[in-house]
Amino acid sequence: MTSDLAAFPAVRRERVLSAPVHAVYRAWLDPATLQRWLAPGSLECVRALVDERVGGRYRIWQTDSDQPVGGFDAQLLELVPDRRIVWRWGFIGPDRDAGPMFDSLLTVTLDEAPQGGTRLVLVHEQLDALAAAMPHVAGQVGAGWDSVLDRLTETI
């Protein structure tokens, strides 16, 4: 049986950051640093938990004007120090335990940039479940990552 919903396109973003590869890699795994940048637009990351191991949990709590809006409940699938991180990335609403979760796959790859600094490539895919349930949110994933990566650039 085929789905009536066409596959939602993957989001791909590439940035060159002036920070060294190790600093960028750590910015994705250090809870205190994550709180400074992992929230798009007007949202704020108020809490981050990282169990830094393959299979470990990766949880982000976000608010908007001090009101909980949910965040992400993810699992680390792959850790290649200073090179690559892969997550099973779950979008969740404010009721983290009872609300639905929409799984996707997020991959961040890091390399030394030719002119110095770090070349970051982010690919967020398997967004079909989110697109089916909340197309308005799925349609903003690319813009959300643009905002978040701007904040990362300013943070490190």
Foldseek 3Di string as FASTA:
>chain_A
DDDPDDFDDKAKDKDFAQAALQVLLVCQADFVSCQQFVWFDQKGFPTWDHPPDAQTWTATWIDHPPHTFFGWIWGWHDDDRSFKTKIQIWGFGRVRPPTDIQTWIKMWGWDADPVGGIMIMIIIGPRVVVCVVPVVVVVCPNVRVVRRVVSSSVRD
